[in-house]
Amino acid sequence: MSARDPRPNDEAACAAWRAHDPQDRDIDRARRRVLQGLLASGTLAATACTREQHAGGDERWIDDISRIDAIRAGSVLRPTSVAAVAQALARSRDAVSIGGARCSMGGQIGCDGSLHLDMRGLNRLVALDPVRRRVRVQAGMSWRDLQGWIDPHGLAVAIMQSYGNFSIGGSISVNCHGRYVGKGSLIHSLRALQLVDGEGRVHELSREHRPELFRAVVGGYGGLGVVSEAEFDLSANHRIARRAERVALDEYPAWFAERVLADPASVLHNADLLPPRFDAPVAVTWTRCEEPLTRGERLVPRNGDYRRDRKLIWSASELPAGPWLRERFSVEELLREREVVWRNREASLDIASLEPSTRRYSTYLLQEYFIPVPAFDAFARAMGKLLRDHEVHALNVSIRHAPPDTQSLLSWSPTEVFSFVLYHKQRSGQRADAVAGQWTRRLIDIALDHGGRHYLPYRLHATREQFLRGYPGAEEFAALKQAVDPHKRFRNRMWDKYLPG
């Protein structure tokens, strides 16, 4: 994204905007009216989100949230029981791909011509033990659905993504993480899981039973079988209060260790780096408290109205006055207003709030890099320079923290790390994606050179050599796959690229 004046006055902003597209007077007048309205009233609106459909509505076309390249499966099955999954695998000899909420961005859910298992129908609560704070669910359930079951018992999910839309099986397959202070990857709250293999046999896995397979399935991206059920430890639901403050980039690791990680009341934390320089963290921490609620909702309502959120994202990323709008209507509000909510309310955010009104012309994407703590400042500055040099249309970079994960085979945090979640925008289509691949591979090299790793649920821009360098456990994973899936039935575009043959 090109640098722009972050604090224009209204007249200057409108003047710059008038000059932005002089060849189309109608569009220019429409844009001017929108910006003047925004600046005058602070009201942000957007059209409803739409999802493009493939011609003819053929369900065999499998697409993910990025809307860049669809995959045509041979057939699609939506099982509603573990028995149905086992039966389908026992009867079929086809390649098998697995999808849930389809929030991946690079074909991790699909394989051309495969039997595609759409797991969203496998969404039942199996068992809930409020006293011991444990739950067992079918893998197609979303975190938001689970929150609906456990909230009346005063319980909360221990570790999950920042948004509730993801399927639990998909979260296991990527070994997800969120903003949970000191918690790290999902495997740390996972007690057991159920796996259906290519012959239709059902296996119970845990740290005590088949531990080598358990640690490989978590973060295994569907390469070893179908996760059909999972059992987790839960946490208590608390009231949490938000505080936000600016922190110097080079001081952030020490500040985080002293002010956040060492505070037992800290529950959630992230820090945002904003364009164009990405060097001034705005740190947001949620801590347990007993203060009165500022929002009474226990959970974020489903099907909410996110026109304001979407328009703010669009305005910040498209208008000459975008940085000023973001500062005024987002950052300053965050720094000024104290909010107290239930933990479950903050944990049940809806990714619809991030969705563009359409992905037909441009698409919003994520990347993520896990960097050892000592290399935090050097990587952050190198990343910021690369984003500026390549004029990446970056909306923000969100920083999180994770302790070491020595349990999962394809661990993304073998040591203590800070993660850098890059949220960027690019034109739709293969040409723009190819351009993005060039600077992405350079950014992956920078992460690797700083002792870090890139996260795998996103676009498959990394070379096979970069993948193997970042994930040395891949050789052991390939050997285990040969043992448990000798016919290589469980496939997707990620494994076809990085573990060919």
Protein backbone atom coordinates (compact mmCIF):
# COMPACT_ATOMS: atom_id res chain seq x y z
CA MET A 1 0.00 0.00 0.00
CA SER A 2 1.38 3.41 -0.89
CA ALA A 3 2.04 5.78 1.98
CA ARG A 4 -0.63 8.45 2.51
CA ASP A 5 -1.00 11.44 4.84
CA PRO A 6 -2.50 9.90 8.01
CA ARG A 7 -4.13 13.11 9.24
CA PRO A 8 -5.60 15.13 6.35
CA ASN A 9 -8.19 17.78 7.08
CA ASP A 10 -11.62 17.26 5.50
CA GLU A 11 -10.96 19.69 2.63
CA ALA A 12 -7.59 18.17 1.80
CA ALA A 13 -8.98 14.66 1.94
CA CYS A 14 -11.80 15.51 -0.43
CA ALA A 15 -9.44 17.34 -2.78
CA ALA A 16 -7.11 14.37 -2.94
CA TRP A 17 -10.04 12.11 -3.52
CA ARG A 18 -11.37 14.27 -6.35
CA ALA A 19 -8.02 13.88 -8.09
CA HIS A 20 -7.94 10.14 -7.45
CA ASP A 21 -9.94 9.12 -10.51
CA PRO A 22 -10.40 12.12 -12.82
CA GLN A 23 -11.29 10.04 -15.88
CA ASP A 24 -14.64 8.89 -14.54
CA ARG A 25 -16.74 11.80 -13.31
CA ASP A 26 -19.70 9.72 -12.21
CA ILE A 27 -17.56 7.44 -10.07
CA ASP A 28 -15.63 10.45 -8.77
CA ARG A 29 -18.81 12.21 -7.67
CA ALA A 30 -20.10 9.05 -5.99
CA ARG A 31 -16.83 8.54 -4.14
CA ARG A 32 -16.76 12.17 -3.05
CA ARG A 33 -20.27 11.96 -1.63
CA VAL A 34 -19.37 8.81 0.32
CA LEU A 35 -16.18 10.28 1.79
CA GLN A 36 -17.84 13.58 2.71
CA GLY A 37 -20.55 11.64 4.49
CA LEU A 38 -18.01 9.56 6.34
CA LEU A 39 -16.01 12.55 7.49
CA ALA A 40 -19.06 14.56 8.45
CA SER A 41 -20.88 11.98 10.49
CA GLY A 42 -18.54 9.08 11.17
CA THR A 43 -21.27 6.79 9.85
CA LEU A 44 -19.96 3.76 7.99
CA ALA A 45 -22.16 1.60 5.80
CA ALA A 46 -21.70 -1.27 3.39
CA THR A 47 -23.66 -3.49 1.12
CA ALA A 48 -24.51 -6.99 2.30
CA CYS A 49 -21.88 -9.64 1.79
CA THR A 50 -22.46 -11.91 -1.15
CA ARG A 51 -20.77 -15.17 -2.08
CA GLU A 52 -20.18 -15.89 -5.74
CA GLN A 53 -21.43 -19.25 -6.98
CA HIS A 54 -19.98 -21.36 -9.74
CA ALA A 55 -22.02 -21.67 -12.91
CA GLY A 56 -24.79 -24.21 -12.60
CA GLY A 57 -24.40 -24.51 -8.82
CA ASP A 58 -22.50 -27.80 -9.17
CA GLU A 59 -21.68 -28.86 -5.59
CA ARG A 60 -18.63 -30.74 -6.83
CA TRP A 61 -16.84 -27.41 -7.20
CA ILE A 62 -15.06 -27.00 -3.85
CA ASP A 63 -14.02 -23.47 -3.00
CA ASP A 64 -12.50 -21.83 0.05
CA ILE A 65 -12.90 -18.37 1.48
CA SER A 66 -10.22 -16.80 -0.75
CA ARG A 67 -12.26 -17.41 -3.94
CA ILE A 68 -9.10 -17.63 -6.04
CA ASP A 69 -9.10 -21.18 -7.38
CA ALA A 70 -11.83 -23.78 -7.05
CA ILE A 71 -11.32 -27.55 -7.12
CA ARG A 72 -13.70 -29.96 -8.85
CA ALA A 73 -14.24 -33.04 -6.70
CA GLY A 74 -15.48 -36.29 -8.16
CA SER A 75 -18.31 -36.48 -5.63
CA VAL A 76 -19.37 -34.79 -2.40
CA LEU A 77 -20.72 -36.52 0.70
CA ARG A 78 -22.06 -34.74 3.80
CA PRO A 79 -22.08 -37.39 6.54
CA THR A 80 -24.08 -36.92 9.71
CA SER A 81 -22.56 -39.77 11.73
CA VAL A 82 -19.19 -41.39 12.30
CA ALA A 83 -20.66 -44.62 10.93
CA ALA A 84 -21.47 -42.85 7.66
CA VAL A 85 -17.86 -41.63 7.38
CA ALA A 86 -16.51 -45.12 8.05
CA GLN A 87 -18.91 -46.70 5.58
CA ALA A 88 -18.04 -44.23 2.83
CA LEU A 89 -14.32 -44.82 3.24
CA ALA A 90 -14.72 -48.60 3.36
CA ARG A 91 -16.76 -48.65 0.14
CA SER A 92 -14.73 -46.16 -1.91
CA ARG A 93 -11.23 -46.47 -3.29
CA ASP A 94 -11.05 -42.86 -4.51
CA ALA A 95 -8.78 -40.17 -3.17
CA VAL A 96 -10.40 -38.42 -0.21
CA SER A 97 -10.39 -34.72 0.66
CA ILE A 98 -11.90 -33.17 3.79
CA GLY A 99 -13.53 -29.79 4.37
CA GLY A 100 -15.37 -28.05 7.18
CA ALA A 101 -15.89 -24.30 7.41
CA ARG A 102 -13.59 -23.89 4.36
CA CYS A 103 -11.63 -21.04 5.86
CA SER A 104 -8.33 -22.24 4.44
CA MET A 105 -6.96 -20.29 1.50
CA GLY A 106 -4.85 -22.56 -0.66
CA GLY A 107 -6.61 -25.81 -1.53
CA GLN A 108 -5.94 -27.57 1.79
CA ILE A 109 -9.56 -28.82 1.72
CA GLY A 110 -9.67 -30.28 -1.78
CA CYS A 111 -8.21 -32.61 -4.39
CA ASP A 112 -9.28 -32.82 -8.01
CA GLY A 113 -11.59 -35.77 -8.64
CA SER A 114 -11.67 -36.83 -4.98
CA LEU A 115 -14.48 -38.00 -2.75
CA HIS A 116 -14.95 -34.82 -0.76
CA LEU A 117 -16.26 -35.17 2.77
CA ASP A 118 -18.15 -32.03 3.81
CA MET A 119 -17.98 -32.43 7.57
CA ARG A 120 -20.43 -29.69 8.53
CA GLY A 121 -23.24 -32.20 9.05
CA LEU A 122 -21.21 -34.01 11.71
CA ASN A 123 -21.89 -31.42 14.39
CA ARG A 124 -23.36 -33.13 17.45
CA LEU A 125 -22.39 -32.66 21.09
CA VAL A 126 -21.21 -36.08 22.28
CA ALA A 127 -20.59 -35.45 26.00
CA LEU A 128 -20.21 -32.51 28.38
CA ASP A 129 -18.83 -32.74 31.91
CA PRO A 130 -19.17 -29.29 33.52
CA VAL A 131 -17.60 -30.41 36.79
CA ARG A 132 -14.39 -31.67 35.23
CA ARG A 133 -14.58 -29.00 32.50
CA ARG A 134 -14.39 -31.41 29.61
CA VAL A 135 -16.31 -31.72 26.39
CA ARG A 136 -16.41 -34.17 23.48
CA VAL A 137 -17.89 -33.12 20.15
CA GLN A 138 -18.16 -34.24 16.56
CA ALA A 139 -15.54 -32.58 14.40
CA GLY A 140 -17.87 -30.71 12.06
CA MET A 141 -19.20 -28.54 14.88
CA SER A 142 -18.13 -24.88 14.85
CA TRP A 143 -16.63 -23.21 17.89
CA ARG A 144 -19.62 -20.87 17.93
CA ASP A 145 -21.97 -23.85 18.21
CA LEU A 146 -19.87 -25.28 21.05
CA GLN A 147 -19.98 -21.93 22.84
CA GLY A 148 -23.77 -22.11 22.73
CA TRP A 149 -23.66 -25.43 24.58
CA ILE A 150 -21.11 -24.52 27.25
CA ASP A 151 -21.94 -20.87 28.04
CA PRO A 152 -24.98 -21.74 30.22
CA HIS A 153 -22.60 -23.76 32.41
CA GLY A 154 -20.22 -20.84 32.91
CA LEU A 155 -17.57 -22.47 30.72
CA ALA A 156 -15.43 -21.21 27.85
CA VAL A 157 -13.22 -22.73 25.17
CA ALA A 158 -9.62 -22.86 26.42
CA ILE A 159 -7.88 -22.31 23.06
CA MET A 160 -9.36 -21.41 19.68
CA GLN A 161 -9.01 -18.84 16.92
CA SER A 162 -10.17 -15.26 17.44
CA TYR A 163 -13.40 -15.99 15.52
CA GLY A 164 -16.04 -18.61 16.23
CA ASN A 165 -16.88 -19.70 12.67
CA PHE A 166 -14.12 -22.28 12.23
CA SER A 167 -14.92 -25.97 12.42
CA ILE A 168 -13.32 -27.85 15.28
CA GLY A 169 -11.95 -30.56 13.01
CA GLY A 170 -10.40 -27.95 10.75
CA SER A 171 -8.87 -26.22 13.77
CA ILE A 172 -7.28 -29.51 14.82
CA SER A 173 -5.95 -30.10 11.33
CA VAL A 174 -4.08 -26.76 11.38
CA ASN A 175 -3.26 -26.89 15.12
CA CYS A 176 -4.73 -23.42 15.47
CA HIS A 177 -4.02 -20.77 18.05
CA GLY A 178 -5.59 -17.51 19.15
CA ARG A 179 -4.93 -14.58 21.45
CA TYR A 180 -4.88 -16.65 24.66
CA VAL A 181 -2.04 -15.49 26.88
CA GLY A 182 0.46 -18.25 27.63
CA LYS A 183 -1.62 -20.99 25.99
CA GLY A 184 -0.17 -21.46 22.50
CA SER A 185 -1.41 -24.05 20.04
CA LEU A 186 -4.63 -26.05 20.25
CA ILE A 187 -2.91 -29.33 21.06
CA HIS A 188 -2.30 -28.06 24.60
CA SER A 189 -6.04 -28.25 25.41
CA LEU A 190 -6.81 -31.37 23.36
CA ARG A 191 -7.21 -34.58 25.39
CA ALA A 192 -8.14 -37.10 22.72
CA LEU A 193 -9.47 -37.45 19.20
CA GLN A 194 -11.13 -40.03 17.02
CA LEU A 195 -9.72 -40.84 13.56
CA VAL A 196 -11.26 -42.82 10.70
CA ASP A 197 -8.63 -44.34 8.40
CA GLY A 198 -8.74 -45.17 4.71
CA GLU A 199 -10.22 -48.61 5.36
CA GLY A 200 -13.07 -47.21 7.43
CA ARG A 201 -11.62 -48.30 10.76
CA VAL A 202 -12.20 -46.02 13.75
CA HIS A 203 -9.27 -45.27 16.09
CA GLU A 204 -9.14 -43.49 19.45
CA LEU A 205 -5.97 -41.44 19.83
CA SER A 206 -4.45 -39.62 22.78
CA ARG A 207 -1.08 -38.92 24.39
CA GLU A 208 -1.30 -42.37 25.99
CA HIS A 209 -2.82 -44.37 23.12
CA ARG A 210 -1.10 -44.22 19.73
CA PRO A 211 0.74 -41.02 20.72
CA GLU A 212 2.83 -40.99 17.53
CA LEU A 213 -0.33 -40.77 15.44
CA PHE A 214 -2.02 -38.31 17.81
CA ARG A 215 0.84 -35.81 17.53
CA ALA A 216 0.92 -36.14 13.74
CA VAL A 217 -2.83 -35.76 13.15
CA VAL A 218 -2.90 -32.47 15.08
CA GLY A 219 -1.53 -30.06 12.52
CA GLY A 220 -1.56 -32.79 9.86
CA TYR A 221 -3.95 -31.04 7.45
CA GLY A 222 -6.09 -34.09 6.81
CA GLY A 223 -3.21 -36.14 5.46
CA LEU A 224 -3.63 -39.18 7.73
CA GLY A 225 -7.38 -39.70 8.02
CA VAL A 226 -10.67 -38.09 8.99
CA VAL A 227 -10.92 -36.51 12.44
CA SER A 228 -14.47 -37.38 13.46
CA GLU A 229 -14.59 -36.51 17.18
CA ALA A 230 -12.46 -34.58 19.65
CA GLU A 231 -12.28 -34.15 23.43
CA PHE A 232 -11.08 -30.91 25.04
CA ASP A 233 -10.38 -29.31 28.37
CA LEU A 234 -12.45 -26.18 28.96
CA SER A 235 -11.90 -23.01 30.97
CA ALA A 236 -14.15 -20.82 33.12
CA ASN A 237 -16.08 -17.95 31.59
CA HIS A 238 -15.13 -14.62 33.21
CA ARG A 239 -15.80 -10.97 32.79
CA ILE A 240 -12.84 -9.40 31.02
CA ALA A 241 -11.85 -5.75 30.63
CA ARG A 242 -10.00 -4.28 27.67
CA ARG A 243 -7.11 -1.87 27.84
CA ALA A 244 -5.18 -0.54 24.85
CA GLU A 245 -1.96 1.42 24.69
CA ARG A 246 0.82 2.32 22.31
CA VAL A 247 4.19 0.58 22.80
CA ALA A 248 7.53 1.22 21.11
CA LEU A 249 8.44 -1.57 18.69
CA ASP A 250 11.86 -2.33 20.17
CA GLU A 251 10.39 -2.33 23.70
CA TYR A 252 7.44 -4.59 22.91
CA PRO A 253 8.91 -8.06 23.80
CA ALA A 254 10.07 -6.91 27.25
CA TRP A 255 6.86 -4.92 27.80
CA PHE A 256 4.78 -7.99 26.90
CA ALA A 257 6.75 -10.26 29.23
CA GLU A 258 6.42 -7.87 32.18
CA ARG A 259 2.96 -6.37 31.68
CA VAL A 260 1.00 -9.20 30.04
CA LEU A 261 2.61 -12.62 30.32
CA ALA A 262 3.56 -12.17 33.97
CA ASP A 263 0.08 -10.98 34.94
CA PRO A 264 -2.10 -13.97 35.94
CA ALA A 265 -5.24 -11.93 35.16
CA SER A 266 -4.33 -11.61 31.46
CA VAL A 267 -6.62 -13.66 29.22
CA LEU A 268 -6.34 -12.34 25.66
CA HIS A 269 -3.73 -10.19 23.95
CA ASN A 270 -2.68 -8.96 20.54
CA ALA A 271 -0.89 -5.92 19.15
CA ASP A 272 -1.54 -4.31 15.77
CA LEU A 273 1.05 -2.86 13.41
CA LEU A 274 -0.49 -0.44 10.92
CA PRO A 275 0.61 0.75 7.49
CA PRO A 276 2.61 2.28 6.06
CA ARG A 277 5.56 1.68 8.42
CA PHE A 278 4.32 -1.19 10.61
CA ASP A 279 6.55 -0.07 13.48
CA ALA A 280 4.20 1.33 16.15
CA PRO A 281 2.35 -1.45 18.02
CA VAL A 282 -1.08 -0.72 19.45
CA ALA A 283 -1.33 -3.34 22.21
CA VAL A 284 -4.74 -4.66 23.31
CA THR A 285 -5.05 -6.79 26.46
CA TRP A 286 -8.15 -8.33 28.05
CA THR A 287 -7.87 -9.13 31.77
CA ARG A 288 -10.21 -10.84 34.25
CA CYS A 289 -12.22 -8.37 36.28
CA GLU A 290 -15.36 -7.93 38.41
CA GLU A 291 -16.43 -4.61 36.88
CA PRO A 292 -19.94 -4.00 35.49
CA LEU A 293 -20.44 -5.10 31.91
CA THR A 294 -20.45 -2.48 29.18
CA ARG A 295 -22.07 -5.05 26.86
CA GLY A 296 -24.60 -7.45 28.26
CA GLU A 297 -24.48 -10.05 25.47
CA ARG A 298 -23.08 -13.38 26.58
CA LEU A 299 -22.25 -14.32 22.97
CA VAL A 300 -22.00 -12.36 19.73
CA PRO A 301 -25.39 -12.76 18.00
CA ARG A 302 -25.47 -14.78 14.83
CA ASN A 303 -26.10 -13.04 11.49
CA GLY A 304 -25.10 -9.63 12.83
CA ASP A 305 -25.07 -6.40 10.87
CA TYR A 306 -21.43 -5.68 9.96
CA ARG A 307 -21.90 -2.94 7.39
CA ARG A 308 -19.97 -0.46 9.52
CA ASP A 309 -17.01 -2.83 9.99
CA ARG A 310 -16.83 -3.69 6.30
CA LYS A 311 -17.04 -0.10 5.19
CA LEU A 312 -14.29 0.91 7.60
CA ILE A 313 -12.04 -1.82 6.18
CA TRP A 314 -12.87 -0.73 2.63
CA SER A 315 -12.37 2.94 3.42
CA ALA A 316 -9.06 2.37 5.20
CA SER A 317 -7.72 0.29 2.33
CA GLU A 318 -9.08 2.23 -0.68
CA LEU A 319 -9.50 5.92 0.12
CA PRO A 320 -6.70 8.52 0.19
CA ALA A 321 -7.94 9.45 3.65
CA GLY A 322 -7.95 5.80 4.73
CA PRO A 323 -5.16 5.97 7.34
CA TRP A 324 -6.80 9.01 8.94
CA LEU A 325 -10.18 7.27 9.01
CA ARG A 326 -8.68 4.20 10.63
CA GLU A 327 -6.89 6.30 13.24
CA ARG A 328 -10.00 8.32 14.08
CA PHE A 329 -12.72 5.66 13.99
CA SER A 330 -10.78 2.60 15.10
CA VAL A 331 -7.49 3.25 16.90
CA GLU A 332 -8.51 6.34 18.89
CA GLU A 333 -11.76 4.69 19.90
CA LEU A 334 -9.85 1.62 21.04
CA LEU A 335 -7.43 3.69 23.12
CA ARG A 336 -10.16 5.85 24.63
CA GLU A 337 -13.01 3.52 25.48
CA ARG A 338 -12.85 0.84 28.16
CA GLU A 339 -14.97 -2.20 27.46
CA VAL A 340 -16.03 -4.98 29.83
CA VAL A 341 -17.59 -8.13 28.36
CA TRP A 342 -17.91 -11.84 29.00
CA ARG A 343 -14.94 -13.86 27.77
CA ASN A 344 -17.32 -15.88 25.59
CA ARG A 345 -18.59 -12.71 24.00
CA GLU A 346 -15.12 -11.67 22.87
CA ALA A 347 -14.32 -15.25 21.81
CA SER A 348 -17.41 -15.59 19.59
CA LEU A 349 -16.54 -12.91 17.03
CA ASP A 350 -17.89 -13.49 13.51
CA ILE A 351 -15.58 -13.50 10.48
CA ALA A 352 -18.45 -11.87 8.56
CA SER A 353 -17.19 -8.64 10.11
CA LEU A 354 -14.02 -9.01 8.01
CA GLU A 355 -15.64 -10.10 4.76
CA PRO A 356 -15.61 -7.75 1.77
CA SER A 357 -18.95 -6.99 0.12
CA THR A 358 -17.74 -9.16 -2.77
CA ARG A 359 -14.62 -11.10 -3.70
CA ARG A 360 -15.31 -10.82 -7.41
CA TYR A 361 -12.79 -8.02 -7.94
CA SER A 362 -10.49 -8.23 -4.94
CA THR A 363 -9.93 -10.65 -2.10
CA TYR A 364 -8.70 -10.35 1.49
CA LEU A 365 -6.04 -12.85 2.52
CA LEU A 366 -3.96 -13.85 5.53
CA GLN A 367 -0.38 -14.93 6.01
CA GLU A 368 1.37 -15.74 9.28
CA TYR A 369 4.96 -16.00 10.43
CA PHE A 370 6.24 -17.42 13.73
CA ILE A 371 9.42 -15.73 14.90
CA PRO A 372 11.60 -16.60 17.94
CA VAL A 373 11.43 -13.88 20.58
CA PRO A 374 15.06 -12.68 20.23
CA ALA A 375 14.48 -11.96 16.50
CA PHE A 376 11.25 -10.00 17.02
CA ASP A 377 12.52 -6.50 16.28
CA ALA A 378 14.77 -7.47 13.37
CA PHE A 379 12.04 -9.46 11.64
CA ALA A 380 9.39 -6.77 12.21
CA ARG A 381 11.55 -4.11 10.57
CA ALA A 382 12.56 -6.38 7.68
CA MET A 383 8.92 -7.31 7.10
CA GLY A 384 7.82 -3.67 7.14
CA LYS A 385 10.47 -2.75 4.60
CA LEU A 386 9.46 -5.59 2.29
CA LEU A 387 5.78 -4.62 2.47
CA ARG A 388 6.65 -1.03 1.58
CA ASP A 389 9.13 -1.94 -1.15
CA HIS A 390 6.60 -4.21 -2.86
CA GLU A 391 3.67 -1.85 -2.20
CA VAL A 392 1.73 -4.68 -0.59
CA HIS A 393 -1.86 -3.66 0.04
CA ALA A 394 -1.57 -4.58 3.72
CA LEU A 395 -4.37 -3.60 6.08
CA ASN A 396 -2.56 -4.53 9.27
CA VAL A 397 -0.25 -7.02 10.97
CA SER A 398 -1.50 -8.54 14.23
CA ILE A 399 1.03 -9.81 16.76
CA ARG A 400 0.34 -12.73 19.11
CA HIS A 401 2.53 -14.85 21.38
CA ALA A 402 2.91 -18.59 21.88
CA PRO A 403 4.99 -20.73 24.23
CA PRO A 404 6.86 -23.73 22.79
CA ASP A 405 4.86 -26.62 21.33
CA THR A 406 6.97 -29.75 21.62
CA GLN A 407 3.99 -32.09 21.22
CA SER A 408 2.81 -31.80 17.60
CA LEU A 409 5.00 -33.31 14.90
CA LEU A 410 4.64 -30.39 12.49
CA SER A 411 4.92 -27.78 15.23
CA TRP A 412 5.03 -24.16 14.15
CA SER A 413 6.47 -23.07 17.52
CA PRO A 414 9.24 -25.42 18.63
CA THR A 415 10.49 -22.48 20.71
CA GLU A 416 8.74 -19.46 22.24
CA VAL A 417 7.56 -17.24 19.40
CA PHE A 418 5.71 -14.12 18.43
CA SER A 419 3.40 -14.60 15.48
CA PHE A 420 2.90 -11.93 12.83
CA VAL A 421 -0.51 -12.26 11.15
CA LEU A 422 -0.50 -10.28 7.91
CA TYR A 423 -3.96 -9.22 6.67
CA HIS A 424 -3.71 -7.99 3.09
CA LYS A 425 -5.79 -7.29 0.03
CA GLN A 426 -5.12 -8.15 -3.60
CA ARG A 427 -6.94 -8.23 -6.87
CA SER A 428 -8.80 -11.45 -7.61
CA GLY A 429 -7.44 -13.87 -10.16
CA GLN A 430 -4.33 -15.85 -10.92
CA ARG A 431 -2.18 -12.99 -12.21
CA ALA A 432 -2.37 -10.98 -9.00
CA ASP A 433 -1.85 -14.16 -7.00
CA ALA A 434 1.35 -14.90 -8.94
CA VAL A 435 2.69 -11.44 -8.13
CA ALA A 436 1.83 -11.98 -4.46
CA GLY A 437 3.68 -15.28 -4.57
CA GLN A 438 6.92 -13.51 -5.47
CA TRP A 439 7.05 -11.22 -2.45
CA THR A 440 5.58 -13.93 -0.21
CA ARG A 441 8.45 -16.30 -0.97
CA ARG A 442 10.85 -13.50 -0.11
CA LEU A 443 9.04 -12.92 3.18
CA ILE A 444 9.18 -16.65 3.96
CA ASP A 445 12.95 -16.56 3.38
CA ILE A 446 13.24 -13.63 5.78
CA ALA A 447 11.29 -15.59 8.42
CA LEU A 448 13.44 -18.68 7.90
CA ASP A 449 16.64 -16.61 8.08
CA HIS A 450 15.47 -15.32 11.48
CA GLY A 451 14.88 -18.87 12.75
CA GLY A 452 11.12 -18.73 12.14
CA ARG A 453 8.46 -20.58 10.16
CA HIS A 454 5.48 -19.71 8.00
CA TYR A 455 1.97 -21.00 8.72
CA LEU A 456 0.48 -23.55 6.31
CA PRO A 457 -3.31 -22.86 6.05
CA TYR A 458 -2.85 -20.07 3.52
CA ARG A 459 -1.85 -19.68 -0.14
CA LEU A 460 0.63 -22.34 -1.27
CA HIS A 461 3.28 -19.86 -2.39
CA ALA A 462 6.14 -21.48 -0.45
CA THR A 463 8.45 -23.73 -2.42
CA ARG A 464 8.87 -27.33 -1.37
CA GLU A 465 12.38 -26.46 -0.22
CA GLN A 466 11.02 -23.70 2.02
CA PHE A 467 8.41 -26.07 3.43
CA LEU A 468 11.00 -28.72 4.28
CA ARG A 469 13.34 -26.14 5.79
CA GLY A 470 10.59 -24.74 7.99
CA TYR A 471 9.06 -28.10 8.97
CA PRO A 472 11.86 -30.67 9.42
CA GLY A 473 9.29 -33.08 10.91
CA ALA A 474 7.86 -33.54 7.41
CA GLU A 475 10.16 -36.51 6.75
CA GLU A 476 8.79 -38.36 9.78
CA PHE A 477 5.27 -37.34 8.79
CA ALA A 478 5.77 -38.79 5.29
CA ALA A 479 7.00 -42.08 6.75
CA LEU A 480 4.00 -42.26 9.08
CA LYS A 481 1.64 -41.50 6.22
CA GLN A 482 3.15 -44.34 4.23
CA ALA A 483 2.41 -46.66 7.16
CA VAL A 484 -1.18 -45.59 7.91
CA ASP A 485 -2.24 -44.45 4.42
CA PRO A 486 -0.17 -46.61 2.04
CA HIS A 487 -2.45 -45.92 -0.93
CA LYS A 488 -2.26 -42.17 -0.34
CA ARG A 489 -6.01 -41.78 -0.24
CA PHE A 490 -6.02 -38.66 1.92
CA ARG A 491 -4.97 -35.87 -0.37
CA ASN A 492 -5.31 -32.17 -0.94
CA ARG A 493 -3.42 -29.59 -2.95
CA MET A 494 -1.08 -28.81 -0.09
CA TRP A 495 0.11 -32.37 0.40
CA ASP A 496 0.22 -32.97 -3.35
CA LYS A 497 2.68 -30.08 -3.60
CA TYR A 498 4.84 -30.68 -0.53
CA LEU A 499 4.76 -34.49 -0.26
CA PRO A 500 4.53 -35.58 -3.90
CA GLY A 501 4.65 -39.21 -4.95
